[in-house]
C-alpha atoms as a PDB file:
ATOM      1  CA  UNK A   1    -143.487  84.463 -17.205  1.00  0.00           C
ATOM      2  CA  UNK A   2    -146.434  85.385 -15.002  1.00  0.00           C
ATOM      3  CA  UNK A   3    -144.077  86.198 -12.083  1.00  0.00           C
ATOM      4  CA  UNK A   4    -141.905  88.395 -14.308  1.00  0.00           C
ATOM      5  CA  UNK A   5    -145.020  90.230 -15.502  1.00  0.00           C
ATOM      6  CA  UNK A   6    -146.200  90.767 -11.901  1.00  0.00           C
ATOM      7  CA  UNK A   7    -142.771  92.029 -10.868  1.00  0.00           C
ATOM      8  CA  UNK A   8    -142.662  94.426 -13.828  1.00  0.00           C
ATOM      9  CA  UNK A   9    -146.161  95.673 -13.029  1.00  0.00           C
ATOM     10  CA  UNK A  10    -145.176  96.203  -9.381  1.00  0.00           C
ATOM     11  CA  UNK A  11    -142.109  98.223 -10.418  1.00  0.00           C
ATOM     12  CA  UNK A  12    -144.164 100.415 -12.760  1.00  0.00           C
ATOM     13  CA  UNK A  13    -146.812 101.056 -10.084  1.00  0.00           C
ATOM     14  CA  UNK A  14    -144.197 101.744  -7.390  1.00  0.00           C
ATOM     15  CA  UNK A  15    -142.329 104.151  -9.658  1.00  0.00           C
ATOM     16  CA  UNK A  16    -145.535 106.022 -10.472  1.00  0.00           C
ATOM     17  CA  UNK A  17    -146.029 106.696  -6.745  1.00  0.00           C
ATOM     18  CA  UNK A  18    -142.750 108.592  -6.549  1.00  0.00           C
ATOM     19  CA  UNK A  19    -142.163 112.219  -7.453  1.00  0.00           C
ATOM     20  CA  UNK A  20    -140.146 115.100  -6.091  1.00  0.00           C
ATOM     21  CA  UNK A  21    -140.690 118.694  -4.997  1.00  0.00           C
ATOM     22  CA  UNK A  22    -137.726 121.069  -5.389  1.00  0.00           C
ATOM     23  CA  UNK A  23    -138.130 124.087  -3.112  1.00  0.00           C
ATOM     24  CA  UNK A  24    -135.858 127.144  -3.372  1.00  0.00           C
ATOM     25  CA  UNK A  25    -135.664 130.704  -2.243  1.00  0.00           C
ATOM     26  CA  UNK A  26    -135.498 133.312  -4.988  1.00  0.00           C
ATOM     27  CA  UNK A  27    -131.973 134.163  -6.144  1.00  0.00           C
ATOM     28  CA  UNK A  28    -129.966 137.213  -5.043  1.00  0.00           C
ATOM     29  CA  UNK A  29    -131.877 140.452  -5.359  1.00  0.00           C
ATOM     30  CA  UNK A  30    -130.632 143.817  -6.542  1.00  0.00           C
ATOM     31  CA  UNK A  31    -129.912 146.581  -4.057  1.00  0.00           C
ATOM     32  CA  UNK A  32    -133.195 148.467  -3.818  1.00  0.00           C
ATOM     33  CA  UNK A  33    -133.341 152.023  -5.115  1.00  0.00           C
ATOM     34  CA  UNK A  34    -135.833 154.703  -4.117  1.00  0.00           C
ATOM     35  CA  UNK A  35    -138.061 154.174  -7.175  1.00  0.00           C
ATOM     36  CA  UNK A  36    -138.095 150.345  -7.022  1.00  0.00           C
ATOM     37  CA  UNK A  37    -140.497 149.857  -4.157  1.00  0.00           C
ATOM     38  CA  UNK A  38    -140.514 146.461  -2.430  1.00  0.00           C
ATOM     39  CA  UNK A  39    -140.687 144.333  -5.610  1.00  0.00           C
ATOM     40  CA  UNK A  40    -136.950 144.213  -6.217  1.00  0.00           C
ATOM     41  CA  UNK A  41    -135.548 142.424  -9.305  1.00  0.00           C
ATOM     42  CA  UNK A  42    -132.609 140.028  -9.299  1.00  0.00           C
ATOM     43  CA  UNK A  43    -129.034 141.241  -9.320  1.00  0.00           C
ATOM     44  CA  UNK A  44    -126.601 139.999 -12.000  1.00  0.00           C
ATOM     45  CA  UNK A  45    -125.462 137.392  -9.453  1.00  0.00           C
ATOM     46  CA  UNK A  46    -129.099 136.370  -8.952  1.00  0.00           C
ATOM     47  CA  UNK A  47    -129.674 136.032 -12.681  1.00  0.00           C
ATOM     48  CA  UNK A  48    -126.692 133.666 -12.823  1.00  0.00           C
ATOM     49  CA  UNK A  49    -128.086 131.669  -9.894  1.00  0.00           C
ATOM     50  CA  UNK A  50    -131.420 131.282 -11.731  1.00  0.00           C
ATOM     51  CA  UNK A  51    -129.446 129.760 -14.624  1.00  0.00           C
ATOM     52  CA  UNK A  52    -127.556 127.568 -12.146  1.00  0.00           C
ATOM     53  CA  UNK A  53    -130.914 126.352 -10.812  1.00  0.00           C
ATOM     54  CA  UNK A  54    -132.002 125.349 -14.314  1.00  0.00           C
ATOM     55  CA  UNK A  55    -128.700 123.482 -14.728  1.00  0.00           C
ATOM     56  CA  UNK A  56    -129.223 121.689 -11.396  1.00  0.00           C
ATOM     57  CA  UNK A  57    -132.737 120.626 -12.431  1.00  0.00           C
ATOM     58  CA  UNK A  58    -132.376 119.950 -16.155  1.00  0.00           C
ATOM     59  CA  UNK A  59    -132.313 116.160 -15.724  1.00  0.00           C
ATOM     60  CA  UNK A  60    -135.201 116.129 -13.211  1.00  0.00           C
ATOM     61  CA  UNK A  61    -138.183 116.136 -15.619  1.00  0.00           C
ATOM     62  CA  UNK A  62    -139.921 119.081 -13.954  1.00  0.00           C
ATOM     63  CA  UNK A  63    -143.629 119.125 -14.870  1.00  0.00           C
ATOM     64  CA  UNK A  64    -144.887 122.050 -12.734  1.00  0.00           C
ATOM     65  CA  UNK A  65    -143.367 125.369 -11.631  1.00  0.00           C
ATOM     66  CA  UNK A  66    -144.843 127.577  -8.894  1.00  0.00           C
ATOM     67  CA  UNK A  67    -143.708 131.025  -7.792  1.00  0.00           C
ATOM     68  CA  UNK A  68    -144.997 133.869  -5.690  1.00  0.00           C
ATOM     69  CA  UNK A  69    -146.004 136.910  -7.711  1.00  0.00           C
ATOM     70  CA  UNK A  70    -142.836 138.993  -7.307  1.00  0.00           C
ATOM     71  CA  UNK A  71    -140.245 139.907  -9.903  1.00  0.00           C
ATOM     72  CA  UNK A  72    -137.415 138.113  -8.055  1.00  0.00           C
ATOM     73  CA  UNK A  73    -139.243 134.790  -7.629  1.00  0.00           C
ATOM     74  CA  UNK A  74    -140.674 134.761 -11.159  1.00  0.00           C
ATOM     75  CA  UNK A  75    -137.235 135.616 -12.602  1.00  0.00           C
ATOM     76  CA  UNK A  76    -135.638 132.828 -10.540  1.00  0.00           C
ATOM     77  CA  UNK A  77    -138.176 130.319 -11.883  1.00  0.00           C
ATOM     78  CA  UNK A  78    -138.086 131.499 -15.513  1.00  0.00           C
ATOM     79  CA  UNK A  79    -134.964 129.700 -16.862  1.00  0.00           C
ATOM     80  CA  UNK A  80    -136.196 126.364 -15.459  1.00  0.00           C
ATOM     81  CA  UNK A  81    -139.770 126.908 -16.674  1.00  0.00           C
ATOM     82  CA  UNK A  82    -138.506 127.908 -20.121  1.00  0.00           C
ATOM     83  CA  UNK A  83    -136.176 124.900 -20.295  1.00  0.00           C
ATOM     84  CA  UNK A  84    -139.077 122.508 -19.634  1.00  0.00           C
ATOM     85  CA  UNK A  85    -141.545 124.499 -21.778  1.00  0.00           C
ATOM     86  CA  UNK A  86    -143.766 125.304 -18.788  1.00  0.00           C
ATOM     87  CA  UNK A  87    -145.825 128.251 -17.596  1.00  0.00           C
ATOM     88  CA  UNK A  88    -145.044 129.384 -14.061  1.00  0.00           C
ATOM     89  CA  UNK A  89    -148.158 129.213 -11.874  1.00  0.00           C
ATOM     90  CA  UNK A  90    -148.555 131.830  -9.132  1.00  0.00           C
ATOM     91  CA  UNK A  91    -149.239 131.148  -5.469  1.00  0.00           C
ATOM     92  CA  UNK A  92    -148.861 133.065  -2.330  1.00  0.00           C
ATOM     93  CA  UNK A  93    -147.712 135.368  -0.942  1.00  0.00           C
ATOM     94  CA  UNK A  94    -147.541 132.835   1.895  1.00  0.00           C
ATOM     95  CA  UNK A  95    -148.070 129.102   1.467  1.00  0.00           C
ATOM     96  CA  UNK A  96    -151.258 127.890   3.118  1.00  0.00           C
ATOM     97  CA  UNK A  97    -152.918 124.506   3.531  1.00  0.00           C
ATOM     98  CA  UNK A  98    -154.843 124.951   0.249  1.00  0.00           C
ATOM     99  CA  UNK A  99    -151.588 125.489  -1.689  1.00  0.00           C
ATOM    100  CA  UNK A 100    -149.929 122.483  -0.016  1.00  0.00           C
ATOM    101  CA  UNK A 101    -153.010 120.366  -0.803  1.00  0.00           C
ATOM    102  CA  UNK A 102    -152.737 121.502  -4.446  1.00  0.00           C
ATOM    103  CA  UNK A 103    -149.041 120.540  -4.536  1.00  0.00           C
ATOM    104  CA  UNK A 104    -149.880 117.118  -3.131  1.00  0.00           C
ATOM    105  CA  UNK A 105    -152.279 116.487  -6.036  1.00  0.00           C
ATOM    106  CA  UNK A 106    -149.373 116.831  -8.467  1.00  0.00           C
ATOM    107  CA  UNK A 107    -147.923 113.440  -9.283  1.00  0.00           C
ATOM    108  CA  UNK A 108    -144.894 114.707 -11.192  1.00  0.00           C
ATOM    109  CA  UNK A 109    -141.743 116.633 -10.274  1.00  0.00           C
ATOM    110  CA  UNK A 110    -142.468 120.190  -9.167  1.00  0.00           C
ATOM    111  CA  UNK A 111    -140.366 123.335  -8.590  1.00  0.00           C
ATOM    112  CA  UNK A 112    -141.545 125.831  -5.953  1.00  0.00           C
ATOM    113  CA  UNK A 113    -139.842 129.245  -5.653  1.00  0.00           C
ATOM    114  CA  UNK A 114    -140.519 131.330  -2.555  1.00  0.00           C
ATOM    115  CA  UNK A 115    -138.863 133.602  -0.033  1.00  0.00           C
ATOM    116  CA  UNK A 116    -136.470 133.297   2.905  1.00  0.00           C
ATOM    117  CA  UNK A 117    -139.430 133.377   5.315  1.00  0.00           C
ATOM    118  CA  UNK A 118    -141.736 130.982   3.413  1.00  0.00           C
ATOM    119  CA  UNK A 119    -139.813 128.076   1.911  1.00  0.00           C
ATOM    120  CA  UNK A 120    -139.340 126.491   5.328  1.00  0.00           C
ATOM    121  CA  UNK A 121    -143.155 126.501   5.615  1.00  0.00           C
ATOM    122  CA  UNK A 122    -143.542 124.804   2.210  1.00  0.00           C
ATOM    123  CA  UNK A 123    -141.036 122.063   3.091  1.00  0.00           C
ATOM    124  CA  UNK A 124    -142.368 121.501   6.606  1.00  0.00           C
ATOM    125  CA  UNK A 125    -146.015 121.431   5.495  1.00  0.00           C
ATOM    126  CA  UNK A 126    -145.241 118.989   2.659  1.00  0.00           C
ATOM    127  CA  UNK A 127    -143.355 116.701   5.038  1.00  0.00           C
ATOM    128  CA  UNK A 128    -145.903 117.017   7.843  1.00  0.00           C
ATOM    129  CA  UNK A 129    -143.106 117.731  10.304  1.00  0.00           C
ATOM    130  CA  UNK A 130    -140.331 120.253  10.908  1.00  0.00           C
ATOM    131  CA  UNK A 131    -137.407 119.580   8.549  1.00  0.00           C
ATOM    132  CA  UNK A 132    -136.206 123.178   8.065  1.00  0.00           C
ATOM    133  CA  UNK A 133    -135.700 124.918  11.399  1.00  0.00           C
ATOM    134  CA  UNK A 134    -137.007 128.330  10.372  1.00  0.00           C
ATOM    135  CA  UNK A 135    -136.572 131.318   8.113  1.00  0.00           C
ATOM    136  CA  UNK A 136    -133.366 131.464   6.098  1.00  0.00           C
ATOM    137  CA  UNK A 137    -130.749 134.139   6.726  1.00  0.00           C
ATOM    138  CA  UNK A 138    -130.996 137.147   4.405  1.00  0.00           C
ATOM    139  CA  UNK A 139    -127.692 136.111   2.786  1.00  0.00           C
ATOM    140  CA  UNK A 140    -128.620 132.460   2.060  1.00  0.00           C
ATOM    141  CA  UNK A 141    -129.470 131.735  -1.551  1.00  0.00           C
ATOM    142  CA  UNK A 142    -127.870 128.363  -2.357  1.00  0.00           C
ATOM    143  CA  UNK A 143    -130.300 125.963  -0.664  1.00  0.00           C
ATOM    144  CA  UNK A 144    -132.122 123.409  -2.798  1.00  0.00           C
ATOM    145  CA  UNK A 145    -134.613 121.632  -0.563  1.00  0.00           C
ATOM    146  CA  UNK A 146    -135.704 118.282  -1.977  1.00  0.00           C
ATOM    147  CA  UNK A 147    -138.878 116.544  -0.781  1.00  0.00           C
ATOM    148  CA  UNK A 148    -139.366 113.164  -2.420  1.00  0.00           C
ATOM    149  CA  UNK A 149    -142.723 111.433  -2.131  1.00  0.00           C
ATOM    150  CA  UNK A 150    -142.209 107.692  -1.907  1.00  0.00           C
ATOM    151  CA  UNK A 151    -145.539 105.908  -1.625  1.00  0.00           C
ATOM    152  CA  UNK A 152    -147.163 107.597   1.368  1.00  0.00           C
ATOM    153  CA  UNK A 153    -143.897 108.898   2.871  1.00  0.00           C
ATOM    154  CA  UNK A 154    -142.119 112.204   2.260  1.00  0.00           C
ATOM    155  CA  UNK A 155    -138.320 112.066   2.420  1.00  0.00           C
ATOM    156  CA  UNK A 156    -136.418 115.345   2.891  1.00  0.00           C
ATOM    157  CA  UNK A 157    -132.887 116.140   1.705  1.00  0.00           C
ATOM    158  CA  UNK A 158    -131.138 119.498   1.918  1.00  0.00           C
ATOM    159  CA  UNK A 159    -128.798 120.227  -0.991  1.00  0.00           C
ATOM    160  CA  UNK A 160    -126.862 123.184  -2.355  1.00  0.00           C
ATOM    161  CA  UNK A 161    -126.606 124.597  -5.875  1.00  0.00           C
ATOM    162  CA  UNK A 162    -124.717 127.352  -7.641  1.00  0.00           C
ATOM    163  CA  UNK A 163    -122.130 129.572  -5.981  1.00  0.00           C
ATOM    164  CA  UNK A 164    -121.955 128.971  -2.189  1.00  0.00           C
ATOM    165  CA  UNK A 165    -123.387 131.702   0.040  1.00  0.00           C
ATOM    166  CA  UNK A 166    -122.639 132.326   3.736  1.00  0.00           C
END
């Protein structure tokens, strides 16, 4: 019985050392108009992708949601945050070592929404090495970068979600 108890305790402790970061670029943005400025909202296609993101994550027990302070990133995060009953926390506009250190204090699954020129930085800084080669193409919206913390290691997986983009 003692051995079974020790094994069970080990499994519980090992499981508590594992959590996952889901890192995405904001969904498709609307075509900017003269009065919009640079803070462009999502297009109808982007709004659908934000829903697709929630669907992709709904079994992942997300406990934290982070977004830069733009309409398109906040709107991408909103369906997932609402689904889990969470408030989206702001960071940015560029991820820095303080933000990555904050993420690493979180011991539960976390969604991070950024931009084509910043999510590679988030993934690479979390992993401590280059996993995403560089900025994403302007037309890429379907990447779901997964960084799983297992003990002291970070394991990266690149996935896709929603409608495929070029």
